[in-house]
Amino acid sequence: MSKITERIYKFGPFLFDTRDHALLRDSESIPLTLKSFKTLLVLLENSGHVVERSELVEQVWPNTFVEEANLTQQVFTLRRLLGPDRNGGQYIKTVPKVGYRFTATVKKVSDEAHIRVLKNQTQARFVAKDTVADVDGMIDSIAVLPLTNVNNEPDTEYLCDGIAETIINNLSQLPQLRVMAVSTVFRCKGVDVDPQRIGRELNVRAVVTGKIIRLNQRLIFRFELVDITDGSQLFGKEYTRRRSDIFELHREISMAISRELQTKLTGENRGPTRLAFHNSRQSSLS
C-alpha cells in the first residue's frame, strides 16, 4: 500500500478530508465555511474529550478578539449540517459553562479505497472566504435589499427605499468591500425575498434584508445579515420608534444600522470609518 499523506476522519456516515477541506455524507458533499471547517477539525481531533470554549476560540480565531457568540454560531451551524446521530442525539454535546465534546466514534481512515471514493465523489469544496469573524474581519461583497413594507402603507414606502439607499451609500465607503449599487438591488423590490437565491444571482457573499412594521403609533424596523454560503444569520437587529417626522426617522435608523453593520463587517477592534448621511432626496427637501 502506498503511503497516505491525507488525514481523513470517519464518523457515522461522514468522511472528513482535512487536506482538501471536504465533508462527505453518503456520497453527498457538504460545503463548509472556513471557520466551520476549523471548528469541526478541532472537535474531531479531540473526540471523546471536552474542548473548552477558550481553547476552541484560540484555535479557530488565533490572535483575534471575537465574541463567544461567534463560536456558538459555528457549533449551531455544524449541528444543523450534521443532523442527528444514529441514536437520535447530537454529534456535538454542550458541556455547560465549559465547552463542547464530539460524542461519535471517530476513526482515521488510511484505506486507499475510501480515499479514492472521496476524491471521485466530492465536488463541492469549502468556501475559502470567511464569515464576519475572519482574521481580517471582513466580508468581501454585500447586497442591501430594499426593505419590505409589511403593512403596505404609502407613507412608509419612502422609508423602505430611503433607508436601504443610505445604508448602501454608507457601506460603500468601507475599503475592500464590494457593495451592489442601488439600481441593481432595487430590481429585487416587490419580489419574494430569498436571501440565498438573490445573493447567488448577484454574486455576493452576504445579503442585508429588512422590513418595516407599523403597530398603532409605533414603527418596528427589523434587519438581518445573511451568509449566502449556508443561510445562517450573522447579525440581527430590531429598532422600535414612535411615528414622527419621516425624514428624521430615515436619518436615525439609517445611521444606526449602518454603524451596526460596519462593526460586524470590519471587526470591533478596528478604527471606525466615518459614515455620512447620504441621500439624493435631501437636497430637494431642504
C-alpha atoms as a PDB file:
ATOM      1  CA  MET A   1       0.000   0.000   0.000  1.00  0.00           C
ATOM      2  CA  SER A   2       1.333   3.409  -0.944  1.00  0.00           C
ATOM      3  CA  LYS A   3       1.941   5.989   1.724  1.00  0.00           C
ATOM      4  CA  ILE A   4      -1.145   8.021   2.544  1.00  0.00           C
ATOM      5  CA  THR A   5      -0.457  11.620   3.488  1.00  0.00           C
ATOM      6  CA  GLU A   6      -4.081  12.777   3.754  1.00  0.00           C
ATOM      7  CA  ARG A   7      -5.706  12.919   7.149  1.00  0.00           C
ATOM      8  CA  ILE A   8      -9.230  11.571   6.690  1.00  0.00           C
ATOM      9  CA  TYR A   9     -11.617  11.106   9.600  1.00  0.00           C
ATOM     10  CA  LYS A  10     -14.634   8.805   9.507  1.00  0.00           C
ATOM     11  CA  PHE A  11     -17.609   9.098  11.870  1.00  0.00           C
ATOM     12  CA  GLY A  12     -21.133   7.812  11.336  1.00  0.00           C
ATOM     13  CA  PRO A  13     -21.948   8.216   7.628  1.00  0.00           C
ATOM     14  CA  PHE A  14     -19.365  11.008   7.222  1.00  0.00           C
ATOM     15  CA  LEU A  15     -15.867  11.255   5.751  1.00  0.00           C
ATOM     16  CA  PHE A  16     -13.906  14.418   6.542  1.00  0.00           C
ATOM     17  CA  ASP A  17     -10.868  15.189   4.384  1.00  0.00           C
ATOM     18  CA  THR A  18      -8.633  17.674   6.178  1.00  0.00           C
ATOM     19  CA  ARG A  19      -6.330  18.302   3.231  1.00  0.00           C
ATOM     20  CA  ASP A  20      -8.995  19.014   0.620  1.00  0.00           C
ATOM     21  CA  HIS A  21     -11.266  20.629   3.227  1.00  0.00           C
ATOM     22  CA  ALA A  22     -14.198  18.406   2.234  1.00  0.00           C
ATOM     23  CA  LEU A  23     -17.025  16.835   4.192  1.00  0.00           C
ATOM     24  CA  LEU A  24     -18.874  13.918   2.571  1.00  0.00           C
ATOM     25  CA  ARG A  25     -22.041  12.211   3.777  1.00  0.00           C
ATOM     26  CA  ASP A  26     -23.128   9.060   1.948  1.00  0.00           C
ATOM     27  CA  SER A  27     -21.540  10.260  -1.316  1.00  0.00           C
ATOM     28  CA  GLU A  28     -23.006  13.775  -0.965  1.00  0.00           C
ATOM     29  CA  SER A  29     -20.689  16.728  -0.483  1.00  0.00           C
ATOM     30  CA  ILE A  30     -21.500  19.240   2.244  1.00  0.00           C
ATOM     31  CA  PRO A  31     -19.936  22.711   1.787  1.00  0.00           C
ATOM     32  CA  LEU A  32     -18.301  24.251   4.854  1.00  0.00           C
ATOM     33  CA  THR A  33     -17.145  27.766   5.611  1.00  0.00           C
ATOM     34  CA  LEU A  34     -13.547  28.062   6.762  1.00  0.00           C
ATOM     35  CA  LYS A  35     -14.478  28.622  10.415  1.00  0.00           C
ATOM     36  CA  SER A  36     -16.926  25.691  10.394  1.00  0.00           C
ATOM     37  CA  PHE A  37     -14.169  23.524   8.931  1.00  0.00           C
ATOM     38  CA  LYS A  38     -11.677  24.584  11.619  1.00  0.00           C
ATOM     39  CA  THR A  39     -14.206  24.144  14.429  1.00  0.00           C
ATOM     40  CA  LEU A  40     -15.106  20.634  13.286  1.00  0.00           C
ATOM     41  CA  LEU A  41     -11.431  19.718  12.881  1.00  0.00           C
ATOM     42  CA  VAL A  42     -10.601  20.690  16.477  1.00  0.00           C
ATOM     43  CA  LEU A  43     -13.576  18.711  17.781  1.00  0.00           C
ATOM     44  CA  LEU A  44     -12.666  15.626  15.736  1.00  0.00           C
ATOM     45  CA  GLU A  45      -9.035  15.749  16.829  1.00  0.00           C
ATOM     46  CA  ASN A  46     -10.254  15.739  20.437  1.00  0.00           C
ATOM     47  CA  SER A  47     -13.232  13.396  20.017  1.00  0.00           C
ATOM     48  CA  GLY A  48     -14.479  11.936  23.270  1.00  0.00           C
ATOM     49  CA  HIS A  49     -12.871  14.749  25.264  1.00  0.00           C
ATOM     50  CA  VAL A  50     -14.188  18.120  26.315  1.00  0.00           C
ATOM     51  CA  VAL A  51     -12.717  21.058  24.423  1.00  0.00           C
ATOM     52  CA  GLU A  52     -13.014  24.240  26.429  1.00  0.00           C
ATOM     53  CA  ARG A  53     -14.577  27.251  24.752  1.00  0.00           C
ATOM     54  CA  SER A  54     -11.443  29.325  25.224  1.00  0.00           C
ATOM     55  CA  GLU A  55      -9.322  26.656  23.552  1.00  0.00           C
ATOM     56  CA  LEU A  56     -11.705  26.413  20.589  1.00  0.00           C
ATOM     57  CA  VAL A  57     -11.720  30.179  20.154  1.00  0.00           C
ATOM     58  CA  GLU A  58      -7.927  30.315  20.270  1.00  0.00           C
ATOM     59  CA  GLN A  59      -7.523  27.586  17.652  1.00  0.00           C
ATOM     60  CA  VAL A  60     -10.253  28.793  15.313  1.00  0.00           C
ATOM     61  CA  TRP A  61      -9.572  32.530  15.701  1.00  0.00           C
ATOM     62  CA  PRO A  62      -5.872  32.703  16.673  1.00  0.00           C
ATOM     63  CA  ASN A  63      -4.640  36.065  17.982  1.00  0.00           C
ATOM     64  CA  THR A  64      -8.014  37.629  17.245  1.00  0.00           C
ATOM     65  CA  PHE A  65     -10.588  39.090  19.617  1.00  0.00           C
ATOM     66  CA  VAL A  66     -14.042  37.653  18.917  1.00  0.00           C
ATOM     67  CA  GLU A  67     -17.260  37.398  20.849  1.00  0.00           C
ATOM     68  CA  GLU A  68     -18.212  33.975  22.224  1.00  0.00           C
ATOM     69  CA  ALA A  69     -21.391  34.189  20.149  1.00  0.00           C
ATOM     70  CA  ASN A  70     -19.270  33.541  17.050  1.00  0.00           C
ATOM     71  CA  LEU A  71     -18.311  30.113  18.410  1.00  0.00           C
ATOM     72  CA  THR A  72     -21.904  29.385  19.385  1.00  0.00           C
ATOM     73  CA  GLN A  73     -22.967  30.196  15.818  1.00  0.00           C
ATOM     74  CA  GLN A  74     -20.363  27.840  14.341  1.00  0.00           C
ATOM     75  CA  VAL A  75     -21.485  24.968  16.595  1.00  0.00           C
ATOM     76  CA  PHE A  76     -25.122  25.672  15.716  1.00  0.00           C
ATOM     77  CA  THR A  77     -24.285  25.573  12.001  1.00  0.00           C
ATOM     78  CA  LEU A  78     -22.354  22.304  12.333  1.00  0.00           C
ATOM     79  CA  ARG A  79     -25.191  20.666  14.248  1.00  0.00           C
ATOM     80  CA  ARG A  80     -27.616  21.661  11.515  1.00  0.00           C
ATOM     81  CA  LEU A  81     -25.324  20.334   8.770  1.00  0.00           C
ATOM     82  CA  LEU A  82     -24.550  17.050  10.522  1.00  0.00           C
ATOM     83  CA  GLY A  83     -28.077  16.350  11.731  1.00  0.00           C
ATOM     84  CA  PRO A  84     -28.841  13.756  14.440  1.00  0.00           C
ATOM     85  CA  ASP A  85     -26.575  10.794  15.048  1.00  0.00           C
ATOM     86  CA  ARG A  86     -27.764   7.205  14.744  1.00  0.00           C
ATOM     87  CA  ASN A  87     -29.131   7.282  18.281  1.00  0.00           C
ATOM     88  CA  GLY A  88     -31.101  10.460  17.650  1.00  0.00           C
ATOM     89  CA  GLY A  89     -28.728  12.624  19.667  1.00  0.00           C
ATOM     90  CA  GLN A  90     -26.253  15.300  18.613  1.00  0.00           C
ATOM     91  CA  TYR A  91     -22.713  14.748  17.408  1.00  0.00           C
ATOM     92  CA  ILE A  92     -21.606  17.800  19.357  1.00  0.00           C
ATOM     93  CA  LYS A  93     -22.604  17.870  23.019  1.00  0.00           C
ATOM     94  CA  THR A  94     -22.545  21.049  25.069  1.00  0.00           C
ATOM     95  CA  VAL A  95     -20.849  20.783  28.442  1.00  0.00           C
ATOM     96  CA  PRO A  96     -22.449  23.681  30.351  1.00  0.00           C
ATOM     97  CA  LYS A  97     -20.077  26.502  31.331  1.00  0.00           C
ATOM     98  CA  VAL A  98     -17.102  24.542  29.987  1.00  0.00           C
ATOM     99  CA  GLY A  99     -17.172  23.764  26.266  1.00  0.00           C
ATOM    100  CA  TYR A 100     -18.079  21.035  23.774  1.00  0.00           C
ATOM    101  CA  ARG A 101     -17.423  17.324  23.247  1.00  0.00           C
ATOM    102  CA  PHE A 102     -17.673  15.362  19.989  1.00  0.00           C
ATOM    103  CA  THR A 103     -19.554  12.217  21.030  1.00  0.00           C
ATOM    104  CA  ALA A 104     -19.364   9.918  17.980  1.00  0.00           C
ATOM    105  CA  THR A 105     -16.653   7.330  17.468  1.00  0.00           C
ATOM    106  CA  VAL A 106     -14.050   8.827  15.131  1.00  0.00           C
ATOM    107  CA  LYS A 107     -11.547   6.801  13.100  1.00  0.00           C
ATOM    108  CA  LYS A 108      -8.656   7.937  10.938  1.00  0.00           C
ATOM    109  CA  VAL A 109      -9.040   6.389   7.503  1.00  0.00           C
ATOM    110  CA  SER A 110      -5.893   5.134   5.779  1.00  0.00           C
ATOM    111  CA  ASP A 111      -7.629   2.829   3.309  1.00  0.00           C
ATOM    112  CA  GLU A 112      -6.966   3.788  -0.316  1.00  0.00           C
ATOM    113  CA  ALA A 113     -10.430   2.671  -1.364  1.00  0.00           C
ATOM    114  CA  HIS A 114     -12.067   5.158   0.978  1.00  0.00           C
ATOM    115  CA  ILE A 115      -9.801   7.912  -0.231  1.00  0.00           C
ATOM    116  CA  ARG A 116     -10.488   7.090  -3.874  1.00  0.00           C
ATOM    117  CA  VAL A 117     -14.248   7.207  -3.277  1.00  0.00           C
ATOM    118  CA  LEU A 118     -13.871  10.532  -1.515  1.00  0.00           C
ATOM    119  CA  LYS A 119     -11.779  12.017  -4.321  1.00  0.00           C
ATOM    120  CA  ASN A 120     -14.146  10.833  -7.060  1.00  0.00           C
ATOM    121  CA  GLN A 121     -17.422  11.829  -5.448  1.00  0.00           C
ATOM    122  CA  THR A 122     -16.564  15.078  -3.696  1.00  0.00           C
ATOM    123  CA  GLN A 123     -17.346  18.029  -5.945  1.00  0.00           C
ATOM    124  CA  ALA A 124     -18.158  20.839  -3.554  1.00  0.00           C
ATOM    125  CA  ARG A 125     -15.328  22.364  -1.560  1.00  0.00           C
ATOM    126  CA  PHE A 126     -15.454  24.565   1.481  1.00  0.00           C
ATOM    127  CA  VAL A 127     -15.772  28.291   0.877  1.00  0.00           C
ATOM    128  CA  ALA A 128     -12.306  29.740   1.355  1.00  0.00           C
ATOM    129  CA  LYS A 129     -13.587  33.220   2.146  1.00  0.00           C
ATOM    130  CA  ASP A 130     -14.567  33.513   5.751  1.00  0.00           C
ATOM    131  CA  THR A 131     -17.548  34.941   7.589  1.00  0.00           C
ATOM    132  CA  VAL A 132     -17.810  38.024   9.765  1.00  0.00           C
ATOM    133  CA  ALA A 133     -15.326  36.712  12.321  1.00  0.00           C
ATOM    134  CA  ASP A 134     -12.467  36.104   9.879  1.00  0.00           C
ATOM    135  CA  VAL A 135      -8.942  37.226  10.772  1.00  0.00           C
ATOM    136  CA  ASP A 136      -9.291  40.291   8.578  1.00  0.00           C
ATOM    137  CA  GLY A 137     -12.810  40.872   9.924  1.00  0.00           C
ATOM    138  CA  MET A 138     -14.411  41.381   6.533  1.00  0.00           C
ATOM    139  CA  ILE A 139     -16.991  40.061   4.144  1.00  0.00           C
ATOM    140  CA  ASP A 140     -15.793  40.998   0.669  1.00  0.00           C
ATOM    141  CA  SER A 141     -19.161  41.610  -1.019  1.00  0.00           C
ATOM    142  CA  ILE A 142     -22.665  42.509   0.101  1.00  0.00           C
ATOM    143  CA  ALA A 143     -26.108  43.465  -1.201  1.00  0.00           C
ATOM    144  CA  VAL A 144     -28.552  45.595   0.792  1.00  0.00           C
ATOM    145  CA  LEU A 145     -32.083  44.794  -0.374  1.00  0.00           C
ATOM    146  CA  PRO A 146     -34.989  47.258  -0.291  1.00  0.00           C
ATOM    147  CA  LEU A 147     -36.928  46.988   2.950  1.00  0.00           C
ATOM    148  CA  THR A 148     -40.295  45.223   2.940  1.00  0.00           C
ATOM    149  CA  ASN A 149     -43.288  47.434   3.702  1.00  0.00           C
ATOM    150  CA  VAL A 150     -45.256  44.850   5.712  1.00  0.00           C
ATOM    151  CA  ASN A 151     -48.383  46.990   6.134  1.00  0.00           C
ATOM    152  CA  ASN A 152     -48.134  48.197   2.527  1.00  0.00           C
ATOM    153  CA  GLU A 153     -48.620  51.812   3.592  1.00  0.00           C
ATOM    154  CA  PRO A 154     -47.706  54.577   1.120  1.00  0.00           C
ATOM    155  CA  ASP A 155     -46.301  56.904   3.821  1.00  0.00           C
ATOM    156  CA  THR A 156     -43.705  54.323   4.898  1.00  0.00           C
ATOM    157  CA  GLU A 157     -42.668  53.392   1.361  1.00  0.00           C
ATOM    158  CA  TYR A 158     -40.252  56.316   1.374  1.00  0.00           C
ATOM    159  CA  LEU A 159     -38.539  54.831   4.424  1.00  0.00           C
ATOM    160  CA  CYS A 160     -38.198  51.425   2.737  1.00  0.00           C
ATOM    161  CA  ASP A 161     -36.344  52.871  -0.224  1.00  0.00           C
ATOM    162  CA  GLY A 162     -34.513  55.701   1.516  1.00  0.00           C
ATOM    163  CA  ILE A 163     -33.061  53.642   4.361  1.00  0.00           C
ATOM    164  CA  ALA A 164     -31.748  50.957   2.009  1.00  0.00           C
ATOM    165  CA  GLU A 165     -30.220  53.589  -0.288  1.00  0.00           C
ATOM    166  CA  THR A 166     -28.495  55.362   2.595  1.00  0.00           C
ATOM    167  CA  ILE A 167     -27.087  52.125   4.022  1.00  0.00           C
ATOM    168  CA  ILE A 168     -25.709  51.253   0.583  1.00  0.00           C
ATOM    169  CA  ASN A 169     -24.039  54.650   0.287  1.00  0.00           C
ATOM    170  CA  ASN A 170     -22.533  54.367   3.764  1.00  0.00           C
ATOM    171  CA  LEU A 171     -21.218  50.821   3.341  1.00  0.00           C
ATOM    172  CA  SER A 172     -19.689  51.794   0.011  1.00  0.00           C
ATOM    173  CA  GLN A 173     -17.185  53.871   1.971  1.00  0.00           C
ATOM    174  CA  LEU A 174     -15.692  50.770   3.613  1.00  0.00           C
ATOM    175  CA  PRO A 175     -12.440  49.690   1.941  1.00  0.00           C
ATOM    176  CA  GLN A 176     -12.207  46.267   0.287  1.00  0.00           C
ATOM    177  CA  LEU A 177     -15.984  45.796   0.425  1.00  0.00           C
ATOM    178  CA  ARG A 178     -17.884  45.440  -2.848  1.00  0.00           C
ATOM    179  CA  VAL A 179     -21.396  46.821  -2.382  1.00  0.00           C
ATOM    180  CA  MET A 180     -24.080  46.282  -5.020  1.00  0.00           C
ATOM    181  CA  ALA A 181     -25.444  49.510  -6.474  1.00  0.00           C
ATOM    182  CA  VAL A 182     -28.888  50.884  -5.696  1.00  0.00           C
ATOM    183  CA  SER A 183     -30.000  50.406  -9.310  1.00  0.00           C
ATOM    184  CA  THR A 184     -29.031  46.725  -9.095  1.00  0.00           C
ATOM    185  CA  VAL A 185     -30.655  45.740  -5.807  1.00  0.00           C
ATOM    186  CA  PHE A 186     -33.825  47.753  -6.405  1.00  0.00           C
ATOM    187  CA  ARG A 187     -34.676  45.332  -9.201  1.00  0.00           C
ATOM    188  CA  CYS A 188     -35.472  42.910  -6.373  1.00  0.00           C
ATOM    189  CA  LYS A 189     -38.098  45.244  -4.919  1.00  0.00           C
ATOM    190  CA  GLY A 190     -41.529  43.682  -4.710  1.00  0.00           C
ATOM    191  CA  VAL A 191     -40.360  40.089  -5.182  1.00  0.00           C
ATOM    192  CA  ASP A 192     -40.291  37.302  -2.622  1.00  0.00           C
ATOM    193  CA  VAL A 193     -37.101  37.744  -0.627  1.00  0.00           C
ATOM    194  CA  ASP A 194     -34.918  34.630  -0.607  1.00  0.00           C
ATOM    195  CA  PRO A 195     -31.531  35.996   0.514  1.00  0.00           C
ATOM    196  CA  GLN A 196     -29.555  32.953  -0.619  1.00  0.00           C
ATOM    197  CA  ARG A 197     -31.089  32.901  -4.088  1.00  0.00           C
ATOM    198  CA  ILE A 198     -30.700  36.648  -4.591  1.00  0.00           C
ATOM    199  CA  GLY A 199     -27.178  36.567  -3.161  1.00  0.00           C
ATOM    200  CA  ARG A 200     -26.142  33.876  -5.627  1.00  0.00           C
ATOM    201  CA  GLU A 201     -27.729  35.772  -8.515  1.00  0.00           C
ATOM    202  CA  LEU A 202     -25.867  38.945  -7.533  1.00  0.00           C
ATOM    203  CA  ASN A 203     -22.648  37.016  -6.783  1.00  0.00           C
ATOM    204  CA  VAL A 204     -22.196  38.447  -3.284  1.00  0.00           C
ATOM    205  CA  ARG A 205     -21.124  36.817  -0.037  1.00  0.00           C
ATOM    206  CA  ALA A 206     -23.805  38.330   2.230  1.00  0.00           C
ATOM    207  CA  VAL A 207     -27.211  39.991   1.976  1.00  0.00           C
ATOM    208  CA  VAL A 208     -28.910  42.519   4.249  1.00  0.00           C
ATOM    209  CA  THR A 209     -32.695  42.270   4.434  1.00  0.00           C
ATOM    210  CA  GLY A 210     -35.112  44.422   6.396  1.00  0.00           C
ATOM    211  CA  LYS A 211     -38.750  45.158   6.994  1.00  0.00           C
ATOM    212  CA  ILE A 212     -40.906  47.904   8.482  1.00  0.00           C
ATOM    213  CA  ILE A 213     -43.974  47.006  10.545  1.00  0.00           C
ATOM    214  CA  ARG A 214     -46.476  49.523  11.905  1.00  0.00           C
ATOM    215  CA  LEU A 215     -48.194  48.750  15.208  1.00  0.00           C
ATOM    216  CA  ASN A 216     -50.547  51.574  16.147  1.00  0.00           C
ATOM    217  CA  GLN A 217     -48.288  54.618  16.607  1.00  0.00           C
ATOM    218  CA  ARG A 218     -45.054  52.643  16.611  1.00  0.00           C
ATOM    219  CA  LEU A 219     -42.802  51.571  13.772  1.00  0.00           C
ATOM    220  CA  ILE A 220     -40.716  48.427  14.111  1.00  0.00           C
ATOM    221  CA  PHE A 221     -37.605  48.113  11.944  1.00  0.00           C
ATOM    222  CA  ARG A 222     -36.053  44.633  11.631  1.00  0.00           C
ATOM    223  CA  PHE A 223     -32.767  43.850   9.887  1.00  0.00           C
ATOM    224  CA  GLU A 224     -30.657  40.751   9.390  1.00  0.00           C
ATOM    225  CA  LEU A 225     -27.352  39.949   7.720  1.00  0.00           C
ATOM    226  CA  VAL A 226     -27.400  36.539   5.999  1.00  0.00           C
ATOM    227  CA  ASP A 227     -24.398  34.423   4.998  1.00  0.00           C
ATOM    228  CA  ILE A 228     -25.127  33.184   1.465  1.00  0.00           C
ATOM    229  CA  THR A 229     -22.955  30.079   1.807  1.00  0.00           C
ATOM    230  CA  ASP A 230     -25.152  28.360   4.395  1.00  0.00           C
ATOM    231  CA  GLY A 231     -28.107  30.680   5.030  1.00  0.00           C
ATOM    232  CA  SER A 232     -27.077  31.399   8.609  1.00  0.00           C
ATOM    233  CA  GLN A 233     -27.859  34.708  10.283  1.00  0.00           C
ATOM    234  CA  LEU A 234     -24.672  36.590  11.026  1.00  0.00           C
ATOM    235  CA  PHE A 235     -26.393  39.552  12.614  1.00  0.00           C
ATOM    236  CA  GLY A 236     -29.905  40.670  13.548  1.00  0.00           C
ATOM    237  CA  LYS A 237     -31.241  43.925  14.950  1.00  0.00           C
ATOM    238  CA  GLU A 238     -34.637  45.408  15.774  1.00  0.00           C
ATOM    239  CA  TYR A 239     -35.486  49.056  16.419  1.00  0.00           C
ATOM    240  CA  THR A 240     -38.813  50.371  17.718  1.00  0.00           C
ATOM    241  CA  ARG A 241     -39.647  54.040  17.252  1.00  0.00           C
ATOM    242  CA  ARG A 242     -42.735  56.202  17.616  1.00  0.00           C
ATOM    243  CA  ARG A 243     -44.066  57.664  14.412  1.00  0.00           C
ATOM    244  CA  SER A 244     -42.656  61.139  13.977  1.00  0.00           C
ATOM    245  CA  ASP A 245     -41.044  63.140  11.219  1.00  0.00           C
ATOM    246  CA  ILE A 246     -40.366  60.676   8.403  1.00  0.00           C
ATOM    247  CA  PHE A 247     -37.123  62.342   7.387  1.00  0.00           C
ATOM    248  CA  GLU A 248     -35.733  62.264  10.924  1.00  0.00           C
ATOM    249  CA  LEU A 249     -36.667  58.587  11.261  1.00  0.00           C
ATOM    250  CA  HIS A 250     -34.904  57.937   7.958  1.00  0.00           C
ATOM    251  CA  ARG A 251     -31.755  59.626   9.219  1.00  0.00           C
ATOM    252  CA  GLU A 252     -31.757  57.962  12.667  1.00  0.00           C
ATOM    253  CA  ILE A 253     -32.425  54.377  11.549  1.00  0.00           C
ATOM    254  CA  SER A 254     -30.109  54.564   8.537  1.00  0.00           C
ATOM    255  CA  MET A 255     -27.191  55.737  10.635  1.00  0.00           C
ATOM    256  CA  ALA A 256     -27.883  53.273  13.447  1.00  0.00           C
ATOM    257  CA  ILE A 257     -27.969  50.183  11.236  1.00  0.00           C
ATOM    258  CA  SER A 258     -25.002  51.445   9.175  1.00  0.00           C
ATOM    259  CA  ARG A 259     -22.894  51.677  12.326  1.00  0.00           C
ATOM    260  CA  GLU A 260     -24.011  48.233  13.490  1.00  0.00           C
ATOM    261  CA  LEU A 261     -23.157  46.677  10.130  1.00  0.00           C
ATOM    262  CA  GLN A 262     -19.838  48.486   9.977  1.00  0.00           C
ATOM    263  CA  THR A 263     -18.895  46.983  13.346  1.00  0.00           C
ATOM    264  CA  LYS A 264     -19.836  43.474  12.250  1.00  0.00           C
ATOM    265  CA  LEU A 265     -18.178  43.730   8.837  1.00  0.00           C
ATOM    266  CA  THR A 266     -14.881  45.246   9.912  1.00  0.00           C
ATOM    267  CA  GLY A 267     -14.417  43.951  13.458  1.00  0.00           C
ATOM    268  CA  GLU A 268     -14.891  45.790  16.746  1.00  0.00           C
ATOM    269  CA  ASN A 269     -11.182  46.371  17.302  1.00  0.00           C
ATOM    270  CA  ARG A 270     -10.736  48.351  14.103  1.00  0.00           C
ATOM    271  CA  GLY A 271     -10.781  52.101  13.957  1.00  0.00           C
ATOM    272  CA  PRO A 272     -14.171  53.433  12.848  1.00  0.00           C
ATOM    273  CA  THR A 273     -14.773  54.664   9.342  1.00  0.00           C
ATOM    274  CA  ARG A 274     -16.686  57.915   9.333  1.00  0.00           C
ATOM    275  CA  LEU A 275     -20.194  57.361   7.979  1.00  0.00           C
ATOM    276  CA  ALA A 276     -22.005  60.264   6.461  1.00  0.00           C
ATOM    277  CA  PHE A 277     -25.711  60.626   5.823  1.00  0.00           C
ATOM    278  CA  HIS A 278     -26.049  60.436   2.045  1.00  0.00           C
ATOM    279  CA  ASN A 279     -29.410  60.892   0.405  1.00  0.00           C
ATOM    280  CA  SER A 280     -30.194  62.146  -3.065  1.00  0.00           C
ATOM    281  CA  ARG A 281     -33.598  63.327  -1.853  1.00  0.00           C
ATOM    282  CA  GLN A 282     -32.145  65.505   0.899  1.00  0.00           C
ATOM    283  CA  SER A 283     -31.354  68.471  -1.337  1.00  0.00           C
ATOM    284  CA  SER A 284     -34.914  68.603  -2.630  1.00  0.00           C
ATOM    285  CA  LEU A 285     -36.301  68.623   0.911  1.00  0.00           C
ATOM    286  CA  SER A 286     -34.062  71.375   2.293  1.00  0.00           C
END
